[in-house]
Each structure stands twice: as structure tokens, then as C-alpha cells.
Amino acid sequence: MKTEMVYNYKENEALRKSFNELSQDTFGINFEEWYQKKLWNDKYECYSIKVGEKIVSNASVNKFQFIINGEKKSALQIGTVMTREAYKGMGMAKQIMNFVLEKFENEYDIIYLFANNSVREFYPKFGFEKIKQFQIYSTEKFETNTRFKFRKLDMDNLDDVSILKDLGINRICNSSKFDVINGYEVMFWYCLNVFRDNIYYDESEKVIVIYAINGHVLNIRDIVLTEQKNYREIVESLVTDEVKEVSFDFNMDVNNIELKERVVDEDDNILFIKGKYSKELKIIHPMTSHA
């Protein structure tokens, strides 16, 4: 069996199609709409092994920058690690991981990934360490107001996609303690595939909020700003009388909301890190930059 390592092939229709078939079979996800709407840029690269014109194993990289306590750090996120069932046990994932680490390890301050419980013993073999993740939330009572007036964005409408793209590319960080500076292309993927029905936009304020209310919990996945706004007023524009808790899937610098912290359930979302970072760092990684 002849195998070949290939990468940076998103413009190759046959290989891209095979990659999408593998991701669909493995995770139930697809990248084609992301590509067709020109939201897949060069910061997301696939590193794959092919047999003929079939992608049989893959690990992708996202090229990010973090801001950690006001300081910028280069960060590489590895994701979409998968192998076709018939090719498992041949060491392909290990081969790709070694290739990626050799290529990028000296270029980035931090290399990291999220993994499920079934592979928690695999990544420490490459020098990765398991790190706790945290989430912030509030149980205080919020008054309702109409300061922000949101309408739902339609991801089938190219004008709405352009609004998302413009604000995403020009967004500011929600936190100087820990945030991803340039993770907008992954956010675009989430908006097309996961949170398609949960994206709301205030045209006059130029604010996008990705959120849903589940029972008594207002779950805010992301807030996209191009200039600083009052987070409390945004929350007050979203809450209902039934909401008892507001959870945030990202970090934010705010002094007028009573925030608490909790450790994230790790079973299918274990964070592994390799590189220069403080063991005391409390990581609240934005959900919409999680590949």
C-alpha cells in the first residue's frame, strides 16, 4: 500500500471532498459550505495521509494568537484528528502528529488541542500535558432592558454572511486575561454548522451575540464587538424573567457583573497543552475558537 503525506490542499476538489467525507463519517461535520462561502482561509490547514486520491488520516492545525495577561503569544491548535476505520492501527495519526510537531514546534509558543476521553493516553506521548478548563457564569438577577435590539442573522443570506465576516475579522478581544486574538475563521465555521439558528445582530450598535436560552439558563456562546460595549446591558437585552443563570463560553473583562468560575466537565473536552505557559494559568478558552 502506497501512502503519501499531503497538506494545504483545500483548492484540490477531489482531496477536499475526500476530507469532508472522512470528517462526516468520523464526527458528523463538514467543511464544504465554509469553503464555498470563502470563510476557510489559510490559517486552517489539513495535514493528511492519502492512499490514491482518498484521504485516510488527518490532523488539522489552526494558527492563532493568544493574549494572556496582556501579552501576545503565538498558538497552534491541532484538531480534526481522525483516521478511516480500515486504516486504524497503522500508526498514521502518530506519523501526522510527529510531522506537524516537527514542522511547527519551534514557531509557536504554545501548541494545544482538545480531545475526548478515549484518546486521553495518546497525546501525553508527544509531550502534551492535561490542563483544567474553566467557565464563567453569573446567578445574579438581571433587569431586562431594550438598550440593544437584536435580529437573527440568516446564514443562507449572503448579506448577513458578509455582516458576520466583517465584524468577525475586525472584532476586538473580550478579555486581556485570556483570549484568542484572531480566531474568527473557526467562529465562522461554528456559525454555519453549530450555532446557525442562534446568531443575533444589533445593526446600530454593530454587535453580534451567539446565544440560546435553555430552561432557566441563558447560554452566551460569544459576543462579537468591534469596539468596547457594556456587557451588562447586552445581557439585560437578552434575559427573560425565567432566566436564573447566565453562562459565558468565553472570557471577558467586566466589573459590573458578579461572575463565578467552575471547572469544565472534561469527559469529551480534555485540554492538552505543550509549550511555554504558566501552570497556574486559568484557561477560559472561547467556544467559537475551539476546533
C-alpha atoms as a PDB file:
ATOM      1  CA  MET A   1       0.000   0.000   0.000  1.00  0.00           C
ATOM      2  CA  LYS A   2       1.479   3.304  -1.095  1.00  0.00           C
ATOM      3  CA  THR A   3       0.750   6.271   1.164  1.00  0.00           C
ATOM      4  CA  GLU A   4       1.590   9.946   0.743  1.00  0.00           C
ATOM      5  CA  MET A   5       1.564  12.897   3.145  1.00  0.00           C
ATOM      6  CA  VAL A   6      -0.354  15.863   1.708  1.00  0.00           C
ATOM      7  CA  TYR A   7      -1.231  19.257   3.142  1.00  0.00           C
ATOM      8  CA  ASN A   8      -2.576  22.672   2.218  1.00  0.00           C
ATOM      9  CA  TYR A   9      -4.816  21.094  -0.416  1.00  0.00           C
ATOM     10  CA  LYS A  10      -8.150  22.835   0.131  1.00  0.00           C
ATOM     11  CA  GLU A  11      -8.230  24.016  -3.512  1.00  0.00           C
ATOM     12  CA  ASN A  12      -7.971  20.395  -4.723  1.00  0.00           C
ATOM     13  CA  GLU A  13     -11.617  19.453  -5.138  1.00  0.00           C
ATOM     14  CA  ALA A  14     -11.097  15.677  -5.068  1.00  0.00           C
ATOM     15  CA  LEU A  15      -8.982  15.721  -1.907  1.00  0.00           C
ATOM     16  CA  ARG A  16     -11.232  18.282  -0.217  1.00  0.00           C
ATOM     17  CA  LYS A  17     -14.254  16.093  -0.975  1.00  0.00           C
ATOM     18  CA  SER A  18     -12.490  13.045   0.480  1.00  0.00           C
ATOM     19  CA  PHE A  19     -11.502  15.031   3.590  1.00  0.00           C
ATOM     20  CA  ASN A  20     -15.130  16.105   4.039  1.00  0.00           C
ATOM     21  CA  GLU A  21     -16.315  12.515   3.667  1.00  0.00           C
ATOM     22  CA  LEU A  22     -13.889  11.420   6.384  1.00  0.00           C
ATOM     23  CA  SER A  23     -14.903  14.241   8.753  1.00  0.00           C
ATOM     24  CA  GLN A  24     -18.585  13.489   8.120  1.00  0.00           C
ATOM     25  CA  ASP A  25     -18.096   9.785   8.830  1.00  0.00           C
ATOM     26  CA  THR A  26     -15.950  10.432  11.917  1.00  0.00           C
ATOM     27  CA  PHE A  27     -17.520  13.455  13.601  1.00  0.00           C
ATOM     28  CA  GLY A  28     -20.675  14.182  11.604  1.00  0.00           C
ATOM     29  CA  ILE A  29     -19.245  17.536  10.488  1.00  0.00           C
ATOM     30  CA  ASN A  30     -18.484  19.077   7.106  1.00  0.00           C
ATOM     31  CA  PHE A  31     -16.347  21.948   5.851  1.00  0.00           C
ATOM     32  CA  GLU A  32     -17.706  22.449   2.326  1.00  0.00           C
ATOM     33  CA  GLU A  33     -20.091  25.352   2.975  1.00  0.00           C
ATOM     34  CA  TRP A  34     -17.315  27.053   4.946  1.00  0.00           C
ATOM     35  CA  TYR A  35     -15.114  26.727   1.874  1.00  0.00           C
ATOM     36  CA  GLN A  36     -17.768  27.726  -0.690  1.00  0.00           C
ATOM     37  CA  LYS A  37     -18.640  30.902   1.231  1.00  0.00           C
ATOM     38  CA  LYS A  38     -14.933  31.844   1.245  1.00  0.00           C
ATOM     39  CA  LEU A  39     -14.685  31.657   5.031  1.00  0.00           C
ATOM     40  CA  TRP A  40     -11.985  28.954   5.060  1.00  0.00           C
ATOM     41  CA  ASN A  41      -8.679  30.809   4.985  1.00  0.00           C
ATOM     42  CA  ASP A  42      -5.037  29.743   5.137  1.00  0.00           C
ATOM     43  CA  LYS A  43      -4.917  29.726   8.940  1.00  0.00           C
ATOM     44  CA  TYR A  44      -6.674  26.346   8.923  1.00  0.00           C
ATOM     45  CA  GLU A  45      -4.543  23.688   7.221  1.00  0.00           C
ATOM     46  CA  CYS A  46      -5.145  19.964   6.840  1.00  0.00           C
ATOM     47  CA  TYR A  47      -2.213  17.565   7.200  1.00  0.00           C
ATOM     48  CA  SER A  48      -3.294  14.221   5.822  1.00  0.00           C
ATOM     49  CA  ILE A  49      -2.195  10.832   4.584  1.00  0.00           C
ATOM     50  CA  LYS A  50      -3.770   9.726   1.338  1.00  0.00           C
ATOM     51  CA  VAL A  51      -3.989   6.400  -0.454  1.00  0.00           C
ATOM     52  CA  GLY A  52      -4.575   7.101  -4.122  1.00  0.00           C
ATOM     53  CA  GLU A  53      -6.941  10.071  -4.049  1.00  0.00           C
ATOM     54  CA  LYS A  54      -8.563   9.062  -0.755  1.00  0.00           C
ATOM     55  CA  ILE A  55      -7.775  10.898   2.487  1.00  0.00           C
ATOM     56  CA  VAL A  56      -7.407   8.158   5.104  1.00  0.00           C
ATOM     57  CA  SER A  57      -5.973  10.025   8.111  1.00  0.00           C
ATOM     58  CA  ASN A  58      -5.765  13.671   9.148  1.00  0.00           C
ATOM     59  CA  ALA A  59      -4.783  16.229  11.752  1.00  0.00           C
ATOM     60  CA  SER A  60      -5.531  19.887  11.048  1.00  0.00           C
ATOM     61  CA  VAL A  61      -3.895  22.993  12.504  1.00  0.00           C
ATOM     62  CA  ASN A  62      -5.299  26.421  13.357  1.00  0.00           C
ATOM     63  CA  LYS A  63      -2.799  29.282  13.506  1.00  0.00           C
ATOM     64  CA  PHE A  64      -3.807  31.588  16.339  1.00  0.00           C
ATOM     65  CA  GLN A  65      -2.518  34.252  18.653  1.00  0.00           C
ATOM     66  CA  PHE A  66      -3.437  34.277  22.330  1.00  0.00           C
ATOM     67  CA  ILE A  67      -3.497  37.240  24.632  1.00  0.00           C
ATOM     68  CA  ILE A  68      -2.526  36.132  28.151  1.00  0.00           C
ATOM     69  CA  ASN A  69      -2.455  38.761  30.884  1.00  0.00           C
ATOM     70  CA  GLY A  70      -1.966  41.457  28.244  1.00  0.00           C
ATOM     71  CA  GLU A  71       0.876  39.654  26.463  1.00  0.00           C
ATOM     72  CA  LYS A  72       0.592  38.146  22.973  1.00  0.00           C
ATOM     73  CA  LYS A  73       1.602  34.506  22.471  1.00  0.00           C
ATOM     74  CA  SER A  74       1.660  32.550  19.228  1.00  0.00           C
ATOM     75  CA  ALA A  75      -0.534  29.451  19.484  1.00  0.00           C
ATOM     76  CA  LEU A  76      -1.181  26.457  17.255  1.00  0.00           C
ATOM     77  CA  GLN A  77      -4.330  24.427  17.820  1.00  0.00           C
ATOM     78  CA  ILE A  78      -4.428  20.872  16.490  1.00  0.00           C
ATOM     79  CA  GLY A  79      -7.839  19.437  15.683  1.00  0.00           C
ATOM     80  CA  THR A  80      -9.925  17.233  13.381  1.00  0.00           C
ATOM     81  CA  VAL A  81      -7.669  14.266  14.211  1.00  0.00           C
ATOM     82  CA  MET A  82      -9.216  11.238  12.504  1.00  0.00           C
ATOM     83  CA  THR A  83      -8.429   8.005  10.653  1.00  0.00           C
ATOM     84  CA  ARG A  84     -10.657   5.855   8.476  1.00  0.00           C
ATOM     85  CA  GLU A  85     -11.731   2.675  10.237  1.00  0.00           C
ATOM     86  CA  ALA A  86      -9.952   0.365   7.765  1.00  0.00           C
ATOM     87  CA  TYR A  87      -6.648   2.175   8.327  1.00  0.00           C
ATOM     88  CA  LYS A  88      -6.622   2.364  12.118  1.00  0.00           C
ATOM     89  CA  GLY A  89      -3.784   0.669  13.985  1.00  0.00           C
ATOM     90  CA  MET A  90      -1.210   1.509  11.310  1.00  0.00           C
ATOM     91  CA  GLY A  91       0.370   4.434  13.153  1.00  0.00           C
ATOM     92  CA  MET A  92      -0.915   7.088  10.752  1.00  0.00           C
ATOM     93  CA  ALA A  93      -2.123   9.508  13.437  1.00  0.00           C
ATOM     94  CA  LYS A  94       1.259   9.222  15.148  1.00  0.00           C
ATOM     95  CA  GLN A  95       3.032   9.874  11.839  1.00  0.00           C
ATOM     96  CA  ILE A  96       0.987  13.018  11.178  1.00  0.00           C
ATOM     97  CA  MET A  97       1.398  14.296  14.746  1.00  0.00           C
ATOM     98  CA  ASN A  98       5.171  13.873  14.547  1.00  0.00           C
ATOM     99  CA  PHE A  99       5.226  15.660  11.186  1.00  0.00           C
ATOM    100  CA  VAL A 100       3.148  18.593  12.469  1.00  0.00           C
ATOM    101  CA  LEU A 101       5.154  18.959  15.681  1.00  0.00           C
ATOM    102  CA  GLU A 102       8.469  18.839  13.840  1.00  0.00           C
ATOM    103  CA  LYS A 103       7.236  21.476  11.396  1.00  0.00           C
ATOM    104  CA  PHE A 104       5.726  23.919  13.907  1.00  0.00           C
ATOM    105  CA  GLU A 105       7.165  23.317  17.368  1.00  0.00           C
ATOM    106  CA  ASN A 106       9.854  25.984  17.107  1.00  0.00           C
ATOM    107  CA  GLU A 107       7.490  28.529  15.523  1.00  0.00           C
ATOM    108  CA  TYR A 108       4.840  28.700  18.265  1.00  0.00           C
ATOM    109  CA  ASP A 109       4.897  29.498  21.968  1.00  0.00           C
ATOM    110  CA  ILE A 110       2.023  27.127  22.670  1.00  0.00           C
ATOM    111  CA  ILE A 111       0.663  24.072  20.859  1.00  0.00           C
ATOM    112  CA  TYR A 112      -2.596  22.657  22.177  1.00  0.00           C
ATOM    113  CA  LEU A 113      -5.604  20.519  21.372  1.00  0.00           C
ATOM    114  CA  PHE A 114      -8.902  19.263  22.741  1.00  0.00           C
ATOM    115  CA  ALA A 115      -9.507  15.520  22.940  1.00  0.00           C
ATOM    116  CA  ASN A 116     -12.157  13.090  24.106  1.00  0.00           C
ATOM    117  CA  ASN A 117     -11.719  10.573  26.871  1.00  0.00           C
ATOM    118  CA  SER A 118     -10.979   7.654  24.525  1.00  0.00           C
ATOM    119  CA  VAL A 119      -7.615   9.141  23.451  1.00  0.00           C
ATOM    120  CA  ARG A 120      -6.524  10.757  26.711  1.00  0.00           C
ATOM    121  CA  GLU A 121      -3.452   8.469  26.875  1.00  0.00           C
ATOM    122  CA  PHE A 122      -2.350   9.223  23.302  1.00  0.00           C
ATOM    123  CA  TYR A 123      -1.312  12.878  23.439  1.00  0.00           C
ATOM    124  CA  PRO A 124       0.964  12.784  26.520  1.00  0.00           C
ATOM    125  CA  LYS A 125       3.256  10.567  24.403  1.00  0.00           C
ATOM    126  CA  PHE A 126       4.048  13.713  22.386  1.00  0.00           C
ATOM    127  CA  GLY A 127       4.788  15.864  25.436  1.00  0.00           C
ATOM    128  CA  PHE A 128       1.306  17.341  25.943  1.00  0.00           C
ATOM    129  CA  GLU A 129       0.039  17.970  29.467  1.00  0.00           C
ATOM    130  CA  LYS A 130      -3.576  17.860  30.604  1.00  0.00           C
ATOM    131  CA  ILE A 131      -4.804  21.249  31.865  1.00  0.00           C
ATOM    132  CA  LYS A 132      -8.056  22.214  33.601  1.00  0.00           C
ATOM    133  CA  GLN A 133     -10.504  24.476  31.798  1.00  0.00           C
ATOM    134  CA  PHE A 134     -12.838  26.936  33.451  1.00  0.00           C
ATOM    135  CA  GLN A 135     -16.151  28.593  32.621  1.00  0.00           C
ATOM    136  CA  ILE A 136     -17.522  31.855  33.998  1.00  0.00           C
ATOM    137  CA  TYR A 137     -21.178  32.328  34.896  1.00  0.00           C
ATOM    138  CA  SER A 138     -23.492  34.527  36.933  1.00  0.00           C
ATOM    139  CA  THR A 139     -26.514  33.789  39.083  1.00  0.00           C
ATOM    140  CA  GLU A 140     -27.356  37.381  39.939  1.00  0.00           C
ATOM    141  CA  LYS A 141     -30.708  38.843  38.977  1.00  0.00           C
ATOM    142  CA  PHE A 142     -30.583  40.946  35.798  1.00  0.00           C
ATOM    143  CA  GLU A 143     -33.169  43.563  34.977  1.00  0.00           C
ATOM    144  CA  THR A 144     -34.443  43.499  31.412  1.00  0.00           C
ATOM    145  CA  ASN A 145     -33.910  46.441  29.089  1.00  0.00           C
ATOM    146  CA  THR A 146     -34.108  47.268  25.393  1.00  0.00           C
ATOM    147  CA  ARG A 147     -30.754  49.016  25.039  1.00  0.00           C
ATOM    148  CA  PHE A 148     -29.777  46.541  22.327  1.00  0.00           C
ATOM    149  CA  LYS A 149     -32.223  45.440  19.646  1.00  0.00           C
ATOM    150  CA  PHE A 150     -31.189  42.184  18.021  1.00  0.00           C
ATOM    151  CA  ARG A 151     -32.400  40.465  14.889  1.00  0.00           C
ATOM    152  CA  LYS A 152     -31.457  36.955  13.813  1.00  0.00           C
ATOM    153  CA  LEU A 153     -28.813  36.632  11.110  1.00  0.00           C
ATOM    154  CA  ASP A 154     -29.621  34.231   8.270  1.00  0.00           C
ATOM    155  CA  MET A 155     -26.612  32.186   7.150  1.00  0.00           C
ATOM    156  CA  ASP A 156     -28.356  31.473   3.835  1.00  0.00           C
ATOM    157  CA  ASN A 157     -28.393  35.216   3.134  1.00  0.00           C
ATOM    158  CA  LEU A 158     -25.088  36.412   1.674  1.00  0.00           C
ATOM    159  CA  ASP A 159     -25.603  39.934   3.041  1.00  0.00           C
ATOM    160  CA  ASP A 160     -25.922  38.525   6.555  1.00  0.00           C
ATOM    161  CA  VAL A 161     -22.871  36.333   5.995  1.00  0.00           C
ATOM    162  CA  SER A 162     -20.977  39.484   4.958  1.00  0.00           C
ATOM    163  CA  ILE A 163     -22.036  41.201   8.201  1.00  0.00           C
ATOM    164  CA  LEU A 164     -20.738  38.242  10.195  1.00  0.00           C
ATOM    165  CA  LYS A 165     -17.494  38.183   8.218  1.00  0.00           C
ATOM    166  CA  ASP A 166     -16.870  41.921   8.567  1.00  0.00           C
ATOM    167  CA  LEU A 167     -17.474  42.024  12.318  1.00  0.00           C
ATOM    168  CA  GLY A 168     -15.585  38.784  12.871  1.00  0.00           C
ATOM    169  CA  ILE A 169     -12.450  39.922  11.067  1.00  0.00           C
ATOM    170  CA  ASN A 170     -12.482  43.297  12.834  1.00  0.00           C
ATOM    171  CA  ARG A 171     -13.509  42.069  16.274  1.00  0.00           C
ATOM    172  CA  ILE A 172     -11.736  43.088  19.460  1.00  0.00           C
ATOM    173  CA  CYS A 173     -10.847  40.734  22.301  1.00  0.00           C
ATOM    174  CA  ASN A 174     -13.368  40.233  25.075  1.00  0.00           C
ATOM    175  CA  SER A 175     -10.578  39.769  27.610  1.00  0.00           C
ATOM    176  CA  SER A 176      -6.943  40.732  28.122  1.00  0.00           C
ATOM    177  CA  LYS A 177      -6.536  37.945  30.711  1.00  0.00           C
ATOM    178  CA  PHE A 178      -7.049  35.120  28.216  1.00  0.00           C
ATOM    179  CA  ASP A 179      -8.493  35.262  24.718  1.00  0.00           C
ATOM    180  CA  VAL A 180      -7.887  34.204  21.134  1.00  0.00           C
ATOM    181  CA  ILE A 181      -6.993  37.242  19.066  1.00  0.00           C
ATOM    182  CA  ASN A 182      -7.607  36.017  15.527  1.00  0.00           C
ATOM    183  CA  GLY A 183      -9.898  33.012  15.738  1.00  0.00           C
ATOM    184  CA  TYR A 184     -12.616  34.410  13.510  1.00  0.00           C
ATOM    185  CA  GLU A 185     -12.440  31.754  10.774  1.00  0.00           C
ATOM    186  CA  VAL A 186     -13.285  28.998  13.275  1.00  0.00           C
ATOM    187  CA  MET A 187     -16.116  31.173  14.603  1.00  0.00           C
ATOM    188  CA  PHE A 188     -17.450  31.349  11.032  1.00  0.00           C
ATOM    189  CA  TRP A 189     -17.448  27.542  10.866  1.00  0.00           C
ATOM    190  CA  TYR A 190     -19.409  27.343  14.131  1.00  0.00           C
ATOM    191  CA  CYS A 191     -21.927  29.859  12.829  1.00  0.00           C
ATOM    192  CA  LEU A 192     -22.556  27.754   9.726  1.00  0.00           C
ATOM    193  CA  ASN A 193     -22.593  24.341  11.372  1.00  0.00           C
ATOM    194  CA  VAL A 194     -23.386  24.500  15.092  1.00  0.00           C
ATOM    195  CA  PHE A 195     -24.993  27.820  16.053  1.00  0.00           C
ATOM    196  CA  ARG A 196     -26.681  28.621  12.756  1.00  0.00           C
ATOM    197  CA  ASP A 197     -30.012  29.441  14.420  1.00  0.00           C
ATOM    198  CA  ASN A 198     -28.512  31.323  17.374  1.00  0.00           C
ATOM    199  CA  ILE A 199     -26.779  34.339  15.796  1.00  0.00           C
ATOM    200  CA  TYR A 200     -28.221  37.786  16.568  1.00  0.00           C
ATOM    201  CA  TYR A 201     -27.159  41.221  15.370  1.00  0.00           C
ATOM    202  CA  ASP A 202     -27.765  44.789  16.519  1.00  0.00           C
ATOM    203  CA  GLU A 203     -27.210  46.927  13.433  1.00  0.00           C
ATOM    204  CA  SER A 204     -26.977  50.313  15.156  1.00  0.00           C
ATOM    205  CA  GLU A 205     -24.503  49.083  17.794  1.00  0.00           C
ATOM    206  CA  LYS A 206     -22.601  46.702  15.468  1.00  0.00           C
ATOM    207  CA  VAL A 207     -22.787  43.826  17.943  1.00  0.00           C
ATOM    208  CA  ILE A 208     -23.269  40.107  17.299  1.00  0.00           C
ATOM    209  CA  VAL A 209     -24.310  37.761  20.101  1.00  0.00           C
ATOM    210  CA  ILE A 210     -24.456  33.987  19.724  1.00  0.00           C
ATOM    211  CA  TYR A 211     -26.766  32.652  22.406  1.00  0.00           C
ATOM    212  CA  ALA A 212     -29.641  30.374  23.372  1.00  0.00           C
ATOM    213  CA  ILE A 213     -31.928  30.067  26.382  1.00  0.00           C
ATOM    214  CA  ASN A 214     -32.255  26.500  27.660  1.00  0.00           C
ATOM    215  CA  GLY A 215     -34.686  26.215  30.540  1.00  0.00           C
ATOM    216  CA  HIS A 216     -33.522  28.674  33.192  1.00  0.00           C
ATOM    217  CA  VAL A 217     -30.055  29.168  31.667  1.00  0.00           C
ATOM    218  CA  LEU A 218     -29.053  31.876  29.203  1.00  0.00           C
ATOM    219  CA  ASN A 219     -26.004  30.399  27.473  1.00  0.00           C
ATOM    220  CA  ILE A 220     -23.985  33.078  25.668  1.00  0.00           C
ATOM    221  CA  ARG A 221     -21.579  31.365  23.282  1.00  0.00           C
ATOM    222  CA  ASP A 222     -19.840  34.513  22.041  1.00  0.00           C
ATOM    223  CA  ILE A 223     -20.132  38.291  21.874  1.00  0.00           C
ATOM    224  CA  VAL A 224     -18.554  39.875  18.804  1.00  0.00           C
ATOM    225  CA  LEU A 225     -17.622  43.547  19.184  1.00  0.00           C
ATOM    226  CA  THR A 226     -15.562  45.965  17.120  1.00  0.00           C
ATOM    227  CA  GLU A 227     -15.444  48.478  19.974  1.00  0.00           C
ATOM    228  CA  GLN A 228     -15.986  48.192  23.700  1.00  0.00           C
ATOM    229  CA  LYS A 229     -19.611  47.952  24.892  1.00  0.00           C
ATOM    230  CA  ASN A 230     -21.338  47.474  28.226  1.00  0.00           C
ATOM    231  CA  TYR A 231     -21.605  43.697  28.673  1.00  0.00           C
ATOM    232  CA  ARG A 232     -24.218  44.024  31.384  1.00  0.00           C
ATOM    233  CA  GLU A 233     -26.529  45.976  29.077  1.00  0.00           C
ATOM    234  CA  ILE A 234     -26.073  43.296  26.406  1.00  0.00           C
ATOM    235  CA  VAL A 235     -27.051  40.581  28.893  1.00  0.00           C
ATOM    236  CA  GLU A 236     -30.034  42.622  30.095  1.00  0.00           C
ATOM    237  CA  SER A 237     -31.251  42.847  26.495  1.00  0.00           C
ATOM    238  CA  LEU A 238     -31.307  39.028  26.274  1.00  0.00           C
ATOM    239  CA  VAL A 239     -32.603  37.768  29.630  1.00  0.00           C
ATOM    240  CA  THR A 240     -36.181  36.805  30.370  1.00  0.00           C
ATOM    241  CA  ASP A 241     -37.914  36.559  33.737  1.00  0.00           C
ATOM    242  CA  GLU A 242     -37.326  32.787  33.692  1.00  0.00           C
ATOM    243  CA  VAL A 243     -33.523  33.048  33.473  1.00  0.00           C
ATOM    244  CA  LYS A 244     -31.776  32.094  36.741  1.00  0.00           C
ATOM    245  CA  GLU A 245     -28.227  31.704  35.400  1.00  0.00           C
ATOM    246  CA  VAL A 246     -26.161  33.275  32.621  1.00  0.00           C
ATOM    247  CA  SER A 247     -23.191  31.213  31.416  1.00  0.00           C
ATOM    248  CA  PHE A 248     -20.449  32.508  29.142  1.00  0.00           C
ATOM    249  CA  ASP A 249     -18.414  30.257  26.828  1.00  0.00           C
ATOM    250  CA  PHE A 250     -15.567  32.772  26.673  1.00  0.00           C
ATOM    251  CA  ASN A 251     -13.666  35.086  28.999  1.00  0.00           C
ATOM    252  CA  MET A 252     -14.433  38.784  29.403  1.00  0.00           C
ATOM    253  CA  ASP A 253     -13.157  41.776  31.312  1.00  0.00           C
ATOM    254  CA  VAL A 254     -16.117  43.174  33.207  1.00  0.00           C
ATOM    255  CA  ASN A 255     -16.604  44.810  36.603  1.00  0.00           C
ATOM    256  CA  ASN A 256     -20.374  45.258  36.723  1.00  0.00           C
ATOM    257  CA  ILE A 257     -21.411  41.583  36.607  1.00  0.00           C
ATOM    258  CA  GLU A 258     -20.927  39.239  39.573  1.00  0.00           C
ATOM    259  CA  LEU A 259     -19.030  36.380  37.936  1.00  0.00           C
ATOM    260  CA  LYS A 260     -18.254  32.949  39.352  1.00  0.00           C
ATOM    261  CA  GLU A 261     -15.935  30.254  37.999  1.00  0.00           C
ATOM    262  CA  ARG A 262     -16.320  26.494  37.665  1.00  0.00           C
ATOM    263  CA  VAL A 263     -14.209  23.707  36.202  1.00  0.00           C
ATOM    264  CA  VAL A 264     -15.476  22.458  32.836  1.00  0.00           C
ATOM    265  CA  ASP A 265     -16.605  18.817  32.617  1.00  0.00           C
ATOM    266  CA  GLU A 266     -13.727  17.150  30.812  1.00  0.00           C
ATOM    267  CA  ASP A 267     -15.008  13.791  29.572  1.00  0.00           C
ATOM    268  CA  ASP A 268     -15.202  14.730  25.899  1.00  0.00           C
ATOM    269  CA  ASN A 269     -13.396  18.048  26.063  1.00  0.00           C
ATOM    270  CA  ILE A 270      -9.972  17.478  27.624  1.00  0.00           C
ATOM    271  CA  LEU A 271      -7.445  20.259  27.050  1.00  0.00           C
ATOM    272  CA  PHE A 272      -3.828  19.286  26.362  1.00  0.00           C
ATOM    273  CA  ILE A 273      -1.052  21.894  26.100  1.00  0.00           C
ATOM    274  CA  LYS A 274       2.600  21.807  25.070  1.00  0.00           C
ATOM    275  CA  GLY A 275       4.889  24.848  25.243  1.00  0.00           C
ATOM    276  CA  LYS A 276       5.627  27.981  27.253  1.00  0.00           C
ATOM    277  CA  TYR A 277       2.815  28.718  29.667  1.00  0.00           C
ATOM    278  CA  SER A 278       2.213  29.057  33.381  1.00  0.00           C
ATOM    279  CA  LYS A 279       0.868  26.001  35.172  1.00  0.00           C
ATOM    280  CA  GLU A 280      -1.218  28.429  37.235  1.00  0.00           C
ATOM    281  CA  LEU A 281      -2.961  29.833  34.143  1.00  0.00           C
ATOM    282  CA  LYS A 282      -6.757  29.668  34.333  1.00  0.00           C
ATOM    283  CA  ILE A 283      -7.863  28.917  30.804  1.00  0.00           C
ATOM    284  CA  ILE A 284     -11.297  30.045  29.694  1.00  0.00           C
ATOM    285  CA  HIS A 285     -10.987  29.208  26.007  1.00  0.00           C
ATOM    286  CA  PRO A 286     -13.608  30.728  23.667  1.00  0.00           C
ATOM    287  CA  MET A 287     -16.010  28.033  22.486  1.00  0.00           C
ATOM    288  CA  THR A 288     -16.152  29.507  18.975  1.00  0.00           C
ATOM    289  CA  SER A 289     -12.370  29.144  18.569  1.00  0.00           C
ATOM    290  CA  HIS A 290     -12.403  25.505  19.630  1.00  0.00           C
ATOM    291  CA  ALA A 291     -11.558  23.238  16.686  1.00  0.00           C
END
